[in-house]
Amino acid sequence: MDIHFSYIIITAIHLHRSCLRVEITSFRGGQQSQYIRMNTTYANETFLMAYFDFVETYVNPIYRIYVTRWTSIRTPVLQLFNASIRVCDMERFSSRNPFIKAFTTVAQKMSNVTLTCPLKAGMYFVKIRTGGLRNIFPLRLLYQSDSYLTVHLALFNEVQKGNLTFLADYLINSIVTSDC
């Protein structure tokens, strides 16, 4: 009897998850053009394609990742994740934190950005498909119907301990809706 009950709960969670849809509502990018040149080539509600030309090799690149969610104007913004991590430490820490794991998976499955230091000069791309994101990000934290998500990803290079040089950032706003 307990096994059957557990199966029903898992099935309900799976059905609920498949009803949710993420749409990109807006995005913006910024860069220090002497370090990185960015170009968003295509975007719509479910797909975003961007290219990043790294002008030089960065020895100690650091991502600053900030994720927020809110459900209406009257509710406070919920900070889901706010951290800085060296690019080459992401894989090592991905087993300890679901957000780091999600961003690592996005880097591996939706881009050609390497998670190694140094981050070599060259052309990189990111192809974000929102349909694939719901299988990557921690659903219990992010996907609440009729909510808004903001992901702000910034890239820095640490020249000396504590001395960061801003390279680029990307801000993606999206809405989660239910189709069921």
Protein backbone atom coordinates (compact mmCIF):
# COMPACT_ATOMS: atom_id res chain seq x y z
CA MET A 1 0.00 0.00 0.00
CA ASP A 2 2.78 2.47 0.84
CA ILE A 3 4.56 1.79 -2.44
CA HIS A 4 1.40 2.47 -4.43
CA PHE A 5 0.84 5.73 -2.54
CA SER A 6 4.44 6.86 -3.20
CA TYR A 7 4.00 6.09 -6.88
CA ILE A 8 0.93 8.32 -7.06
CA ILE A 9 2.79 11.22 -5.45
CA ILE A 10 5.75 10.88 -7.83
CA THR A 11 3.41 10.69 -10.81
CA ALA A 12 1.55 13.81 -9.71
CA ILE A 13 4.79 15.75 -9.28
CA HIS A 14 5.96 14.63 -12.73
CA LEU A 15 2.64 15.64 -14.36
CA HIS A 16 2.69 19.02 -12.63
CA ARG A 17 6.26 19.66 -13.78
CA SER A 18 5.42 18.83 -17.39
CA CYS A 19 2.58 21.40 -17.35
CA LEU A 20 4.91 24.29 -16.53
CA ARG A 21 6.34 26.45 -19.27
CA VAL A 22 9.18 28.98 -19.07
CA GLU A 23 9.19 31.98 -21.41
CA ILE A 24 11.99 34.51 -21.77
CA THR A 25 10.43 37.96 -21.38
CA SER A 26 13.54 40.11 -21.71
CA PHE A 27 17.32 39.99 -21.63
CA ARG A 28 20.25 42.30 -21.77
CA GLY A 29 23.98 41.92 -21.94
CA GLY A 30 26.87 44.19 -21.17
CA GLN A 31 30.59 43.89 -21.72
CA GLN A 32 33.88 45.63 -21.49
CA SER A 33 34.61 45.49 -25.22
CA GLN A 34 38.36 45.56 -24.75
CA TYR A 35 38.00 42.13 -23.01
CA ILE A 36 34.92 40.47 -24.52
CA ARG A 37 32.62 41.14 -27.44
CA MET A 38 29.06 39.80 -27.14
CA ASN A 39 26.48 39.32 -29.84
CA THR A 40 22.97 37.95 -29.32
CA THR A 41 22.07 36.55 -32.72
CA TYR A 42 18.60 35.15 -32.12
CA ALA A 43 16.03 35.27 -29.35
CA ASN A 44 12.37 34.55 -28.80
CA GLU A 45 10.24 33.35 -25.86
CA THR A 46 11.81 29.88 -25.75
CA PHE A 47 15.28 30.24 -27.28
CA LEU A 48 18.30 32.52 -26.86
CA MET A 49 21.50 32.30 -28.91
CA ALA A 50 24.51 34.41 -27.96
CA TYR A 51 28.17 34.48 -29.01
CA PHE A 52 31.05 35.66 -26.86
CA ASP A 53 34.44 36.52 -28.35
CA PHE A 54 37.05 36.43 -25.57
CA VAL A 55 39.79 38.76 -26.74
CA GLU A 56 42.43 37.31 -24.41
CA THR A 57 42.97 34.34 -22.11
CA TYR A 58 41.75 34.81 -18.52
CA VAL A 59 43.80 32.99 -15.90
CA ASN A 60 41.34 33.17 -13.01
CA PRO A 61 37.80 33.71 -14.34
CA ILE A 62 34.97 34.00 -11.80
CA TYR A 63 31.21 33.74 -12.34
CA ARG A 64 28.86 35.69 -10.10
CA ILE A 65 25.44 34.06 -10.25
CA TYR A 66 22.32 35.68 -8.81
CA VAL A 67 18.85 34.07 -9.13
CA THR A 68 15.62 35.62 -7.84
CA ARG A 69 11.92 34.74 -8.02
CA TRP A 70 8.74 36.66 -7.26
CA THR A 71 5.08 35.91 -7.83
CA SER A 72 3.43 39.33 -7.95
CA ILE A 73 4.16 42.97 -7.33
CA ARG A 74 2.92 42.69 -3.74
CA THR A 75 5.20 39.82 -2.75
CA PRO A 76 8.82 40.36 -1.86
CA VAL A 77 11.55 39.16 -4.18
CA LEU A 78 12.92 35.81 -3.03
CA GLN A 79 16.67 35.47 -3.46
CA LEU A 80 17.20 31.85 -4.47
CA PHE A 81 20.93 31.91 -5.11
CA ASN A 82 23.74 34.46 -4.87
CA ALA A 83 27.32 33.26 -5.15
CA SER A 84 30.64 33.81 -6.84
CA ILE A 85 32.66 30.83 -7.96
CA ARG A 86 35.82 30.31 -9.93
CA VAL A 87 34.97 28.79 -13.31
CA CYS A 88 37.40 25.90 -12.79
CA ASP A 89 35.80 25.02 -9.42
CA MET A 90 32.26 24.64 -10.77
CA GLU A 91 32.44 20.92 -11.56
CA ARG A 92 34.01 20.14 -8.20
CA PHE A 93 31.29 22.02 -6.26
CA SER A 94 28.39 20.86 -8.43
CA SER A 95 27.82 17.77 -6.28
CA ARG A 96 27.31 20.00 -3.20
CA ASN A 97 24.93 22.63 -4.53
CA PRO A 98 21.92 22.17 -6.87
CA PHE A 99 22.33 25.63 -8.43
CA ILE A 100 26.03 25.13 -9.20
CA LYS A 101 25.13 21.73 -10.64
CA ALA A 102 22.44 23.33 -12.83
CA PHE A 103 24.77 26.04 -14.16
CA THR A 104 27.48 23.43 -14.76
CA THR A 105 24.99 21.33 -16.72
CA VAL A 106 23.89 24.35 -18.77
CA ALA A 107 27.54 25.14 -19.57
CA GLN A 108 28.14 21.53 -20.63
CA LYS A 109 24.91 20.93 -22.58
CA MET A 110 23.98 24.33 -23.98
CA SER A 111 27.35 25.95 -24.69
CA ASN A 112 30.94 25.33 -25.65
CA VAL A 113 32.27 27.31 -22.67
CA THR A 114 34.91 25.29 -20.89
CA LEU A 115 34.97 24.99 -17.11
CA THR A 116 38.74 25.07 -16.91
CA CYS A 117 41.28 27.67 -15.91
CA PRO A 118 42.68 29.47 -17.75
CA LEU A 119 39.69 30.31 -19.95
CA LYS A 120 41.31 30.56 -23.35
CA ALA A 121 40.76 33.37 -25.83
CA GLY A 122 38.35 32.48 -28.62
CA MET A 123 34.74 32.34 -29.72
CA TYR A 124 32.17 30.73 -27.39
CA PHE A 125 28.42 30.28 -27.77
CA VAL A 126 25.44 29.74 -25.49
CA LYS A 127 22.17 28.24 -26.81
CA ILE A 128 19.50 28.39 -24.14
CA ARG A 129 16.33 26.42 -24.83
CA THR A 130 13.79 27.05 -22.08
CA GLY A 131 12.14 23.66 -22.63
CA GLY A 132 15.39 21.98 -21.61
CA LEU A 133 15.91 24.19 -18.56
CA ARG A 134 13.10 22.65 -16.55
CA ASN A 135 14.97 19.33 -16.63
CA ILE A 136 18.19 20.98 -15.40
CA PHE A 137 17.29 23.48 -12.67
CA PRO A 138 16.05 22.42 -9.22
CA LEU A 139 12.31 22.38 -9.87
CA ARG A 140 11.12 22.55 -6.29
CA LEU A 141 12.85 25.93 -5.92
CA LEU A 142 12.24 27.59 -9.26
CA TYR A 143 9.15 26.39 -10.96
CA GLN A 144 6.09 27.85 -9.34
CA SER A 145 3.29 28.70 -11.72
CA ASP A 146 2.71 32.39 -12.42
CA SER A 147 6.08 33.42 -11.05
CA TYR A 148 8.89 35.51 -12.50
CA LEU A 149 12.53 34.43 -12.55
CA THR A 150 15.61 36.57 -13.01
CA VAL A 151 19.04 35.08 -13.65
CA HIS A 152 21.98 37.48 -13.59
CA LEU A 153 25.31 35.99 -14.60
CA ALA A 154 28.44 38.14 -14.49
CA LEU A 155 31.97 37.19 -15.49
CA PHE A 156 35.05 38.65 -13.85
CA ASN A 157 38.77 37.96 -13.97
CA GLU A 158 40.62 37.97 -10.67
CA VAL A 159 43.93 39.66 -11.40
CA GLN A 160 45.11 39.59 -7.77
CA LYS A 161 43.38 38.17 -4.70
CA GLY A 162 40.20 40.22 -4.24
CA ASN A 163 40.91 42.47 -7.26
CA LEU A 164 38.24 41.67 -9.87
CA THR A 165 38.06 43.04 -13.39
CA PHE A 166 34.54 43.11 -14.84
CA LEU A 167 34.40 41.36 -18.22
CA ALA A 168 30.71 40.88 -19.07
CA ASP A 169 27.26 40.16 -17.70
CA TYR A 170 23.95 38.80 -18.91
CA LEU A 171 20.53 39.28 -17.35
CA ILE A 172 17.62 37.04 -18.34
CA ASN A 173 14.06 37.65 -17.14
CA SER A 174 11.44 34.95 -17.60
CA ILE A 175 7.96 33.96 -16.54
CA VAL A 176 6.75 30.52 -15.50
CA THR A 177 3.20 29.66 -16.56
CA SER A 178 1.05 26.53 -16.41
CA ASP A 179 -0.44 24.89 -19.48
CA CYS A 180 -2.67 22.53 -17.46
